[in-house]
Amino acid sequence: MIAAETFFPIIKQNFTMYDEFIKREKPVKDEIVSLVQESQNSAYEGNSPLKCGLPTGKSKFAAYAARNQPHRYGLKIFADHFGGAPCFRFCSSGRSHLNPETGDGLPKRAIPTPHFHRVDNRGLLMAYQTPALSDKQQAAQIAANLQLGTHLFCQQSNVVSPNGGSVVVRLIVTEMDLSTPDPLDGATFPL
């Protein structure tokens, strides 16, 4: 059984439209997408509407970063025309994604992070890596740096800023964490 968030029947019926959508330049409304926390226990999240020329629904670029581990982040494109789940995404870390068996053998199914997810002509969300993500040293740098990952994501999906440049994603920290003890408490300094 295939999970609803990994099968896109609308894309299967009209894969050419989806393929053109991914290849087409898609400007975001905001040049800087700010990731903010709604509550102390939530992840940092932000999004910006996309202009993408689909016949129905809205589209958006969305990003998130884990609350305590900002190097754990994800980037997504949502397009209502294709369904409610993200139709293109990037995962910086986490477990490997298991693609359906395609005849290449079971070892080829597991795609380690960081990786992208794109829908194929069968309507299935498939994980893949680019040459940069296949290189362990480059992959480690991309996985640890939200802006590097955003830049690569935007290249793969043709998401651009309103002026046609790179999209900037910023983590906005609103409060200083005062829960850790002061390392200088009790220290004496020479006069």
Foldseek 3Di string as FASTA:
>chain_A
DDDPLFFFVVCLVPVVVVVVQQVDAKAFAALEWEFEDPDLQAWTKTKTWIDGPDPDFTKIKIKTAGNVQRLFMKIFIAGPSRHGHTQKMWTLADFFAAAPDDPPDRVVRTHHPGWMWHQDNNRGTHTDDDPLCVDVVSSVVLSRDVQSVQQVSCVSRNYAYPVRHGRHYHYDDDDDDPPDDDPCVPPDDDD
